[in-house]
Amino acid sequence: MAEILTSSTNGHNFAYKHIVTADDASDGYVEIDFQTDRVLVPNVMVASATDIFIDLADAVITIPSTGAVRIANGATTFTLVAGQKIYLVCSTDSSVYTF
């Protein structure tokens, strides 16, 4: 299954490293859910199995629900492949809070 549940590292920052599986590649996406009600600002990097970073210009990176980030195949150039490493670091978007 390409949906992963995890949690915050310190309440304000969220980080996760995921190795793409054959099932993830077949599904065409990976969804990482930090199980928070905070709005996240994601920073995504994907590396090959040999640690060469991959161009994400064509990747489809979305926020399908609050606290979750989805990385999916692009239209032409980006495809999830088993063994790739997804590095996801998110911070909370403090602009959505009123003080």
PDB file of N, CA and C in Angstrom:
ATOM      1  N   MET A   1       0.846  -1.175   0.000  1.00  0.00           N
ATOM      2  CA  MET A   1       0.000   0.000   0.000  1.00  0.00           C
ATOM      3  C   MET A   1       0.885   1.230   0.000  1.00  0.00           C
ATOM      4  N   ALA A   2       0.497   2.246  -0.717  1.00  0.00           N
ATOM      5  CA  ALA A   2       1.301   3.444  -0.875  1.00  0.00           C
ATOM      6  C   ALA A   2       0.928   4.547   0.107  1.00  0.00           C
ATOM      7  N   GLU A   3       0.165   4.251   1.136  1.00  0.00           N
ATOM      8  CA  GLU A   3      -0.184   5.261   2.125  1.00  0.00           C
ATOM      9  C   GLU A   3       0.527   4.951   3.432  1.00  0.00           C
ATOM     10  N   ILE A   4       1.282   5.941   3.926  1.00  0.00           N
ATOM     11  CA  ILE A   4       2.107   5.750   5.109  1.00  0.00           C
ATOM     12  C   ILE A   4       1.645   6.699   6.198  1.00  0.00           C
ATOM     13  N   LEU A   5       1.423   6.196   7.403  1.00  0.00           N
ATOM     14  CA  LEU A   5       1.064   7.029   8.535  1.00  0.00           C
ATOM     15  C   LEU A   5       2.299   7.240   9.392  1.00  0.00           C
ATOM     16  N   THR A   6       2.542   8.484   9.776  1.00  0.00           N
ATOM     17  CA  THR A   6       3.668   8.811  10.637  1.00  0.00           C
ATOM     18  C   THR A   6       3.256  10.006  11.492  1.00  0.00           C
ATOM     19  N   SER A   7       4.184  10.615  12.206  1.00  0.00           N
ATOM     20  CA  SER A   7       3.809  11.739  13.064  1.00  0.00           C
ATOM     21  C   SER A   7       4.910  12.787  13.078  1.00  0.00           C
ATOM     22  N   SER A   8       4.652  13.849  13.815  1.00  0.00           N
ATOM     23  CA  SER A   8       5.567  14.984  13.890  1.00  0.00           C
ATOM     24  C   SER A   8       6.864  14.612  14.584  1.00  0.00           C
ATOM     25  N   THR A   9       7.946  15.304  14.184  1.00  0.00           N
ATOM     26  CA  THR A   9       9.216  15.101  14.875  1.00  0.00           C
ATOM     27  C   THR A   9       9.302  15.947  16.125  1.00  0.00           C
ATOM     28  N   ASN A  10       8.670  17.146  16.129  1.00  0.00           N
ATOM     29  CA  ASN A  10       8.708  17.990  17.321  1.00  0.00           C
ATOM     30  C   ASN A  10       7.471  18.871  17.484  1.00  0.00           C
ATOM     31  N   GLY A  11       6.419  18.611  16.743  1.00  0.00           N
ATOM     32  CA  GLY A  11       5.199  19.395  16.827  1.00  0.00           C
ATOM     33  C   GLY A  11       5.103  20.501  15.789  1.00  0.00           C
ATOM     34  N   HIS A  12       6.232  20.935  15.255  1.00  0.00           N
ATOM     35  CA  HIS A  12       6.231  22.001  14.258  1.00  0.00           C
ATOM     36  C   HIS A  12       6.910  21.586  12.962  1.00  0.00           C
ATOM     37  N   ASN A  13       7.779  20.623  13.040  1.00  0.00           N
ATOM     38  CA  ASN A  13       8.509  20.146  11.864  1.00  0.00           C
ATOM     39  C   ASN A  13       8.206  18.667  11.668  1.00  0.00           C
ATOM     40  N   PHE A  14       8.162  18.288  10.410  1.00  0.00           N
ATOM     41  CA  PHE A  14       7.799  16.924  10.071  1.00  0.00           C
ATOM     42  C   PHE A  14       8.810  16.413   9.048  1.00  0.00           C
ATOM     43  N   ALA A  15       9.293  15.208   9.253  1.00  0.00           N
ATOM     44  CA  ALA A  15      10.272  14.649   8.319  1.00  0.00           C
ATOM     45  C   ALA A  15      10.041  13.149   8.183  1.00  0.00           C
ATOM     46  N   TYR A  16      10.304  12.656   6.977  1.00  0.00           N
ATOM     47  CA  TYR A  16      10.137  11.225   6.737  1.00  0.00           C
ATOM     48  C   TYR A  16      10.990  10.816   5.542  1.00  0.00           C
ATOM     49  N   LYS A  17      11.625   9.675   5.651  1.00  0.00           N
ATOM     50  CA  LYS A  17      12.364   9.084   4.534  1.00  0.00           C
ATOM     51  C   LYS A  17      11.661   7.778   4.188  1.00  0.00           C
ATOM     52  N   HIS A  18      11.406   7.587   2.909  1.00  0.00           N
ATOM     53  CA  HIS A  18      10.704   6.390   2.466  1.00  0.00           C
ATOM     54  C   HIS A  18      11.419   5.776   1.274  1.00  0.00           C
ATOM     55  N   ILE A  19      11.621   4.476   1.312  1.00  0.00           N
ATOM     56  CA  ILE A  19      12.164   3.735   0.170  1.00  0.00           C
ATOM     57  C   ILE A  19      10.972   3.242  -0.648  1.00  0.00           C
ATOM     58  N   VAL A  20      10.915   3.620  -1.901  1.00  0.00           N
ATOM     59  CA  VAL A  20       9.805   3.242  -2.772  1.00  0.00           C
ATOM     60  C   VAL A  20       9.811   1.726  -2.973  1.00  0.00           C
ATOM     61  N   THR A  21       8.659   1.107  -2.769  1.00  0.00           N
ATOM     62  CA  THR A  21       8.512  -0.338  -2.951  1.00  0.00           C
ATOM     63  C   THR A  21       7.949  -0.626  -4.346  1.00  0.00           C
ATOM     64  N   ALA A  22       7.938  -1.887  -4.711  1.00  0.00           N
ATOM     65  CA  ALA A  22       7.348  -2.282  -5.996  1.00  0.00           C
ATOM     66  C   ALA A  22       5.858  -1.943  -6.015  1.00  0.00           C
ATOM     67  N   ASP A  23       5.172  -2.109  -4.882  1.00  0.00           N
ATOM     68  CA  ASP A  23       3.751  -1.755  -4.808  1.00  0.00           C
ATOM     69  C   ASP A  23       3.543  -0.255  -4.995  1.00  0.00           C
ATOM     70  N   ASP A  24       4.410   0.561  -4.376  1.00  0.00           N
ATOM     71  CA  ASP A  24       4.322   2.018  -4.555  1.00  0.00           C
ATOM     72  C   ASP A  24       4.467   2.384  -6.027  1.00  0.00           C
ATOM     73  N   ALA A  25       5.482   1.801  -6.665  1.00  0.00           N
ATOM     74  CA  ALA A  25       5.742   2.088  -8.078  1.00  0.00           C
ATOM     75  C   ALA A  25       4.555   1.672  -8.941  1.00  0.00           C
ATOM     76  N   SER A  26       3.955   0.533  -8.614  1.00  0.00           N
ATOM     77  CA  SER A  26       2.791   0.055  -9.359  1.00  0.00           C
ATOM     78  C   SER A  26       1.594   0.988  -9.171  1.00  0.00           C
ATOM     79  N   ASP A  27       1.409   1.475  -7.939  1.00  0.00           N
ATOM     80  CA  ASP A  27       0.309   2.408  -7.652  1.00  0.00           C
ATOM     81  C   ASP A  27       0.531   3.760  -8.325  1.00  0.00           C
ATOM     82  N   GLY A  28       1.799   4.119  -8.522  1.00  0.00           N
ATOM     83  CA  GLY A  28       2.106   5.402  -9.156  1.00  0.00           C
ATOM     84  C   GLY A  28       2.126   6.580  -8.212  1.00  0.00           C
ATOM     85  N   TYR A  29       2.021   6.313  -6.923  1.00  0.00           N
ATOM     86  CA  TYR A  29       2.085   7.404  -5.946  1.00  0.00           C
ATOM     87  C   TYR A  29       2.466   6.876  -4.576  1.00  0.00           C
ATOM     88  N   VAL A  30       2.932   7.796  -3.737  1.00  0.00           N
ATOM     89  CA  VAL A  30       3.158   7.531  -2.321  1.00  0.00           C
ATOM     90  C   VAL A  30       2.493   8.668  -1.564  1.00  0.00           C
ATOM     91  N   GLU A  31       1.699   8.336  -0.572  1.00  0.00           N
ATOM     92  CA  GLU A  31       1.057   9.350   0.259  1.00  0.00           C
ATOM     93  C   GLU A  31       1.541   9.194   1.686  1.00  0.00           C
ATOM     94  N   ILE A  32       2.083  10.259   2.226  1.00  0.00           N
ATOM     95  CA  ILE A  32       2.611  10.242   3.587  1.00  0.00           C
ATOM     96  C   ILE A  32       1.721  11.144   4.432  1.00  0.00           C
ATOM     97  N   ASP A  33       1.091  10.556   5.445  1.00  0.00           N
ATOM     98  CA  ASP A  33       0.139  11.266   6.301  1.00  0.00           C
ATOM     99  C   ASP A  33       0.749  11.427   7.688  1.00  0.00           C
ATOM    100  N   PHE A  34       1.022  12.679   8.072  1.00  0.00           N
ATOM    101  CA  PHE A  34       1.626  12.963   9.372  1.00  0.00           C
ATOM    102  C   PHE A  34       0.598  13.020  10.496  1.00  0.00           C
ATOM    103  N   GLN A  35      -0.666  12.784  10.198  1.00  0.00           N
ATOM    104  CA  GLN A  35      -1.736  12.721  11.197  1.00  0.00           C
ATOM    105  C   GLN A  35      -1.791  13.985  12.043  1.00  0.00           C
ATOM    106  N   THR A  36      -1.803  15.128  11.387  1.00  0.00           N
ATOM    107  CA  THR A  36      -1.892  16.396  12.081  1.00  0.00           C
ATOM    108  C   THR A  36      -2.961  17.250  11.415  1.00  0.00           C
ATOM    109  N   ASP A  37      -3.490  18.209  12.156  1.00  0.00           N
ATOM    110  CA  ASP A  37      -4.469  19.131  11.578  1.00  0.00           C
ATOM    111  C   ASP A  37      -3.798  20.426  11.113  1.00  0.00           C
ATOM    112  N   ARG A  38      -2.485  20.443  11.096  1.00  0.00           N
ATOM    113  CA  ARG A  38      -1.745  21.629  10.666  1.00  0.00           C
ATOM    114  C   ARG A  38      -1.564  21.638   9.150  1.00  0.00           C
ATOM    115  N   VAL A  39      -1.531  22.844   8.602  1.00  0.00           N
ATOM    116  CA  VAL A  39      -1.259  23.007   7.182  1.00  0.00           C
ATOM    117  C   VAL A  39       0.254  22.881   6.996  1.00  0.00           C
ATOM    118  N   LEU A  40       0.681  21.994   6.096  1.00  0.00           N
ATOM    119  CA  LEU A  40       2.104  21.727   5.908  1.00  0.00           C
ATOM    120  C   LEU A  40       2.633  22.379   4.630  1.00  0.00           C
ATOM    121  N   VAL A  41       3.883  22.792   4.690  1.00  0.00           N
ATOM    122  CA  VAL A  41       4.596  23.292   3.516  1.00  0.00           C
ATOM    123  C   VAL A  41       5.685  22.255   3.224  1.00  0.00           C
ATOM    124  N   PRO A  42       5.506  21.439   2.174  1.00  0.00           N
ATOM    125  CA  PRO A  42       6.433  20.329   1.932  1.00  0.00           C
ATOM    126  C   PRO A  42       7.663  20.726   1.111  1.00  0.00           C
ATOM    127  N   ASN A  43       8.759  20.070   1.417  1.00  0.00           N
ATOM    128  CA  ASN A  43       9.982  20.129   0.631  1.00  0.00           C
ATOM    129  C   ASN A  43      10.313  18.676   0.304  1.00  0.00           C
ATOM    130  N   VAL A  44      10.266  18.326  -0.972  1.00  0.00           N
ATOM    131  CA  VAL A  44      10.424  16.936  -1.392  1.00  0.00           C
ATOM    132  C   VAL A  44      11.689  16.783  -2.227  1.00  0.00           C
ATOM    133  N   MET A  45      12.457  15.751  -1.916  1.00  0.00           N
ATOM    134  CA  MET A  45      13.602  15.365  -2.740  1.00  0.00           C
ATOM    135  C   MET A  45      13.482  13.863  -2.984  1.00  0.00           C
ATOM    136  N   VAL A  46      13.828  13.436  -4.184  1.00  0.00           N
ATOM    137  CA  VAL A  46      13.809  12.011  -4.515  1.00  0.00           C
ATOM    138  C   VAL A  46      15.172  11.662  -5.089  1.00  0.00           C
ATOM    139  N   ALA A  47      15.744  10.578  -4.579  1.00  0.00           N
ATOM    140  CA  ALA A  47      17.041  10.105  -5.062  1.00  0.00           C
ATOM    141  C   ALA A  47      16.889   8.699  -5.614  1.00  0.00           C
ATOM    142  N   SER A  48      17.748   8.378  -6.568  1.00  0.00           N
ATOM    143  CA  SER A  48      17.758   7.017  -7.116  1.00  0.00           C
ATOM    144  C   SER A  48      18.305   6.061  -6.063  1.00  0.00           C
ATOM    145  N   ALA A  49      18.257   4.787  -6.346  1.00  0.00           N
ATOM    146  CA  ALA A  49      18.796   3.777  -5.427  1.00  0.00           C
ATOM    147  C   ALA A  49      20.299   3.969  -5.214  1.00  0.00           C
ATOM    148  N   THR A  50      20.953   4.651  -6.162  1.00  0.00           N
ATOM    149  CA  THR A  50      22.398   4.909  -6.051  1.00  0.00           C
ATOM    150  C   THR A  50      22.680   6.338  -5.580  1.00  0.00           C
ATOM    151  N   ASP A  51      21.680   6.977  -4.981  1.00  0.00           N
ATOM    152  CA  ASP A  51      21.808   8.300  -4.359  1.00  0.00           C
ATOM    153  C   ASP A  51      22.075   9.454  -5.316  1.00  0.00           C
ATOM    154  N   ILE A  52      21.532   9.374  -6.513  1.00  0.00           N
ATOM    155  CA  ILE A  52      21.591  10.502  -7.441  1.00  0.00           C
ATOM    156  C   ILE A  52      20.212  11.165  -7.407  1.00  0.00           C
ATOM    157  N   PHE A  53      20.194  12.471  -7.109  1.00  0.00           N
ATOM    158  CA  PHE A  53      18.913  13.158  -6.999  1.00  0.00           C
ATOM    159  C   PHE A  53      18.243  13.296  -8.360  1.00  0.00           C
ATOM    160  N   ILE A  54      16.931  13.175  -8.346  1.00  0.00           N
ATOM    161  CA  ILE A  54      16.118  13.120  -9.563  1.00  0.00           C
ATOM    162  C   ILE A  54      15.366  14.437  -9.730  1.00  0.00           C
ATOM    163  N   ASP A  55      15.296  14.908 -10.959  1.00  0.00           N
ATOM    164  CA  ASP A  55      14.562  16.128 -11.286  1.00  0.00           C
ATOM    165  C   ASP A  55      13.071  15.895 -11.059  1.00  0.00           C
ATOM    166  N   LEU A  56      12.456  16.769 -10.270  1.00  0.00           N
ATOM    167  CA  LEU A  56      11.036  16.620  -9.937  1.00  0.00           C
ATOM    168  C   LEU A  56      10.152  17.582 -10.721  1.00  0.00           C
ATOM    169  N   ALA A  57      10.672  18.166 -11.787  1.00  0.00           N
ATOM    170  CA  ALA A  57       9.916  19.163 -12.545  1.00  0.00           C
ATOM    171  C   ALA A  57       8.565  18.629 -13.010  1.00  0.00           C
ATOM    172  N   ASP A  58       8.474  17.351 -13.292  1.00  0.00           N
ATOM    173  CA  ASP A  58       7.256  16.743 -13.809  1.00  0.00           C
ATOM    174  C   ASP A  58       6.476  15.985 -12.731  1.00  0.00           C
ATOM    175  N   ALA A  59       7.044  15.864 -11.547  1.00  0.00           N
ATOM    176  CA  ALA A  59       6.370  15.126 -10.471  1.00  0.00           C
ATOM    177  C   ALA A  59       5.100  15.862 -10.057  1.00  0.00           C
ATOM    178  N   VAL A  60       4.119  15.105  -9.615  1.00  0.00           N
ATOM    179  CA  VAL A  60       2.869  15.686  -9.132  1.00  0.00           C
ATOM    180  C   VAL A  60       2.900  15.595  -7.610  1.00  0.00           C
ATOM    181  N   ILE A  61       3.105  16.744  -6.970  1.00  0.00           N
ATOM    182  CA  ILE A  61       3.189  16.804  -5.512  1.00  0.00           C
ATOM    183  C   ILE A  61       1.983  17.596  -5.034  1.00  0.00           C
ATOM    184  N   THR A  62       1.136  16.936  -4.247  1.00  0.00           N
ATOM    185  CA  THR A  62      -0.106  17.562  -3.798  1.00  0.00           C
ATOM    186  C   THR A  62      -0.302  17.351  -2.305  1.00  0.00           C
ATOM    187  N   ILE A  63      -1.250  18.089  -1.772  1.00  0.00           N
ATOM    188  CA  ILE A  63      -1.671  17.922  -0.383  1.00  0.00           C
ATOM    189  C   ILE A  63      -3.124  17.447  -0.446  1.00  0.00           C
ATOM    190  N   PRO A  64      -3.342  16.115  -0.446  1.00  0.00           N
ATOM    191  CA  PRO A  64      -4.693  15.579  -0.631  1.00  0.00           C
ATOM    192  C   PRO A  64      -5.621  15.825   0.557  1.00  0.00           C
ATOM    193  N   SER A  65      -5.021  16.006   1.729  1.00  0.00           N
ATOM    194  CA  SER A  65      -5.796  16.325   2.923  1.00  0.00           C
ATOM    195  C   SER A  65      -4.856  17.013   3.901  1.00  0.00           C
ATOM    196  N   THR A  66      -5.415  17.703   4.869  1.00  0.00           N
ATOM    197  CA  THR A  66      -4.589  18.405   5.846  1.00  0.00           C
ATOM    198  C   THR A  66      -3.656  17.412   6.533  1.00  0.00           C
ATOM    199  N   GLY A  67      -2.363  17.731   6.530  1.00  0.00           N
ATOM    200  CA  GLY A  67      -1.378  16.889   7.198  1.00  0.00           C
ATOM    201  C   GLY A  67      -0.801  15.789   6.340  1.00  0.00           C
ATOM    202  N   ALA A  68      -1.199  15.697   5.081  1.00  0.00           N
ATOM    203  CA  ALA A  68      -0.711  14.631   4.200  1.00  0.00           C
ATOM    204  C   ALA A  68      -0.074  15.232   2.953  1.00  0.00           C
ATOM    205  N   VAL A  69       0.902  14.510   2.401  1.00  0.00           N
ATOM    206  CA  VAL A  69       1.569  14.916   1.164  1.00  0.00           C
ATOM    207  C   VAL A  69       1.597  13.707   0.243  1.00  0.00           C
ATOM    208  N   ARG A  70       1.252  13.923  -1.032  1.00  0.00           N
ATOM    209  CA  ARG A  70       1.273  12.841  -2.021  1.00  0.00           C
ATOM    210  C   ARG A  70       2.285  13.177  -3.105  1.00  0.00           C
ATOM    211  N   ILE A  71       3.146  12.209  -3.415  1.00  0.00           N
ATOM    212  CA  ILE A  71       4.114  12.318  -4.503  1.00  0.00           C
ATOM    213  C   ILE A  71       3.691  11.296  -5.547  1.00  0.00           C
ATOM    214  N   ALA A  72       3.421  11.764  -6.781  1.00  0.00           N
ATOM    215  CA  ALA A  72       2.897  10.871  -7.817  1.00  0.00           C
ATOM    216  C   ALA A  72       3.669  11.028  -9.119  1.00  0.00           C
ATOM    217  N   ASN A  73       3.511  10.027  -9.966  1.00  0.00           N
ATOM    218  CA  ASN A  73       4.130  10.059 -11.291  1.00  0.00           C
ATOM    219  C   ASN A  73       3.693  11.304 -12.047  1.00  0.00           C
ATOM    220  N   GLY A  74       4.616  11.815 -12.863  1.00  0.00           N
ATOM    221  CA  GLY A  74       4.303  12.947 -13.720  1.00  0.00           C
ATOM    222  C   GLY A  74       3.765  12.466 -15.053  1.00  0.00           C
ATOM    223  N   ALA A  75       3.495  13.419 -15.928  1.00  0.00           N
ATOM    224  CA  ALA A  75       2.924  13.091 -17.237  1.00  0.00           C
ATOM    225  C   ALA A  75       3.943  12.431 -18.162  1.00  0.00           C
ATOM    226  N   THR A  76       5.209  12.851 -18.079  1.00  0.00           N
ATOM    227  CA  THR A  76       6.177  12.305 -19.038  1.00  0.00           C
ATOM    228  C   THR A  76       7.523  11.916 -18.449  1.00  0.00           C
ATOM    229  N   THR A  77       8.072  12.705 -17.523  1.00  0.00           N
ATOM    230  CA  THR A  77       9.462  12.445 -17.134  1.00  0.00           C
ATOM    231  C   THR A  77       9.671  11.838 -15.759  1.00  0.00           C
ATOM    232  N   PHE A  78       8.787  12.066 -14.801  1.00  0.00           N
ATOM    233  CA  PHE A  78       9.009  11.533 -13.455  1.00  0.00           C
ATOM    234  C   PHE A  78       8.148  10.304 -13.228  1.00  0.00           C
ATOM    235  N   THR A  79       8.802   9.212 -12.834  1.00  0.00           N
ATOM    236  CA  THR A  79       8.107   7.967 -12.521  1.00  0.00           C
ATOM    237  C   THR A  79       8.708   7.367 -11.261  1.00  0.00           C
ATOM    238  N   LEU A  80       7.859   6.960 -10.331  1.00  0.00           N
ATOM    239  CA  LEU A  80       8.345   6.262  -9.139  1.00  0.00           C
ATOM    240  C   LEU A  80       8.862   4.885  -9.530  1.00  0.00           C
ATOM    241  N   VAL A  81      10.042   4.556  -9.008  1.00  0.00           N
ATOM    242  CA  VAL A  81      10.685   3.277  -9.302  1.00  0.00           C
ATOM    243  C   VAL A  81      11.095   2.651  -7.975  1.00  0.00           C
ATOM    244  N   ALA A  82      10.883   1.357  -7.835  1.00  0.00           N
ATOM    245  CA  ALA A  82      11.272   0.659  -6.609  1.00  0.00           C
ATOM    246  C   ALA A  82      12.748   0.920  -6.317  1.00  0.00           C
ATOM    247  N   GLY A  83      13.033   1.224  -5.063  1.00  0.00           N
ATOM    248  CA  GLY A  83      14.400   1.490  -4.631  1.00  0.00           C
ATOM    249  C   GLY A  83      14.722   2.970  -4.526  1.00  0.00           C
ATOM    250  N   GLN A  84      13.918   3.822  -5.165  1.00  0.00           N
ATOM    251  CA  GLN A  84      14.147   5.264  -5.018  1.00  0.00           C
ATOM    252  C   GLN A  84      13.917   5.653  -3.559  1.00  0.00           C
ATOM    253  N   LYS A  85      14.554   6.754  -3.161  1.00  0.00           N
ATOM    254  CA  LYS A  85      14.424   7.247  -1.796  1.00  0.00           C
ATOM    255  C   LYS A  85      13.706   8.592  -1.830  1.00  0.00           C
ATOM    256  N   ILE A  86      12.609   8.687  -1.097  1.00  0.00           N
ATOM    257  CA  ILE A  86      11.873   9.935  -0.978  1.00  0.00           C
ATOM    258  C   ILE A  86      12.238  10.557   0.356  1.00  0.00           C
ATOM    259  N   TYR A  87      12.705  11.796   0.294  1.00  0.00           N
ATOM    260  CA  TYR A  87      13.000  12.569   1.495  1.00  0.00           C
ATOM    261  C   TYR A  87      11.965  13.683   1.574  1.00  0.00           C
ATOM    262  N   LEU A  88      11.178  13.691   2.633  1.00  0.00           N
ATOM    263  CA  LEU A  88      10.117  14.679   2.791  1.00  0.00           C
ATOM    264  C   LEU A  88      10.335  15.422   4.099  1.00  0.00           C
ATOM    265  N   VAL A  89      10.473  16.736   3.999  1.00  0.00           N
ATOM    266  CA  VAL A  89      10.598  17.598   5.171  1.00  0.00           C
ATOM    267  C   VAL A  89       9.519  18.662   5.045  1.00  0.00           C
ATOM    268  N   CYS A  90       8.728  18.820   6.087  1.00  0.00           N
ATOM    269  CA  CYS A  90       7.655  19.814   6.068  1.00  0.00           C
ATOM    270  C   CYS A  90       7.764  20.701   7.296  1.00  0.00           C
ATOM    271  N   SER A  91       7.366  21.939   7.117  1.00  0.00           N
ATOM    272  CA  SER A  91       7.174  22.822   8.256  1.00  0.00           C
ATOM    273  C   SER A  91       5.707  23.224   8.246  1.00  0.00           C
ATOM    274  N   THR A  92       5.257  23.782   9.365  1.00  0.00           N
ATOM    275  CA  THR A  92       3.872  24.226   9.410  1.00  0.00           C
ATOM    276  C   THR A  92       3.777  25.614   8.810  1.00  0.00           C
ATOM    277  N   ASP A  93       2.662  25.899   8.216  1.00  0.00           N
ATOM    278  CA  ASP A  93       2.421  27.203   7.602  1.00  0.00           C
ATOM    279  C   ASP A  93       1.789  28.101   8.668  1.00  0.00           C
ATOM    280  N   SER A  94       2.617  28.895   9.331  1.00  0.00           N
ATOM    281  CA  SER A  94       2.119  29.731  10.420  1.00  0.00           C
ATOM    282  C   SER A  94       1.220  30.859   9.915  1.00  0.00           C
ATOM    283  N   SER A  95       1.206  31.111   8.603  1.00  0.00           N
ATOM    284  CA  SER A  95       0.372  32.188   8.077  1.00  0.00           C
ATOM    285  C   SER A  95      -1.115  31.869   8.176  1.00  0.00           C
ATOM    286  N   VAL A  96      -1.464  30.615   8.430  1.00  0.00           N
ATOM    287  CA  VAL A  96      -2.879  30.269   8.528  1.00  0.00           C
ATOM    288  C   VAL A  96      -3.412  30.475   9.947  1.00  0.00           C
ATOM    289  N   TYR A  97      -2.545  30.820  10.880  1.00  0.00           N
ATOM    290  CA  TYR A  97      -2.967  31.029  12.259  1.00  0.00           C
ATOM    291  C   TYR A  97      -3.106  32.523  12.537  1.00  0.00           C
ATOM    292  N   THR A  98      -4.074  32.886  13.332  1.00  0.00           N
ATOM    293  CA  THR A  98      -4.215  34.285  13.743  1.00  0.00           C
ATOM    294  C   THR A  98      -3.813  34.379  15.199  1.00  0.00           C
ATOM    295  N   PHE A  99      -3.094  35.415  15.505  1.00  0.00           N
ATOM    296  CA  PHE A  99      -2.609  35.595  16.893  1.00  0.00           C
ATOM    297  C   PHE A  99      -3.238  36.806  17.520  1.00  0.00           C
TER     298      PHE A  99
END
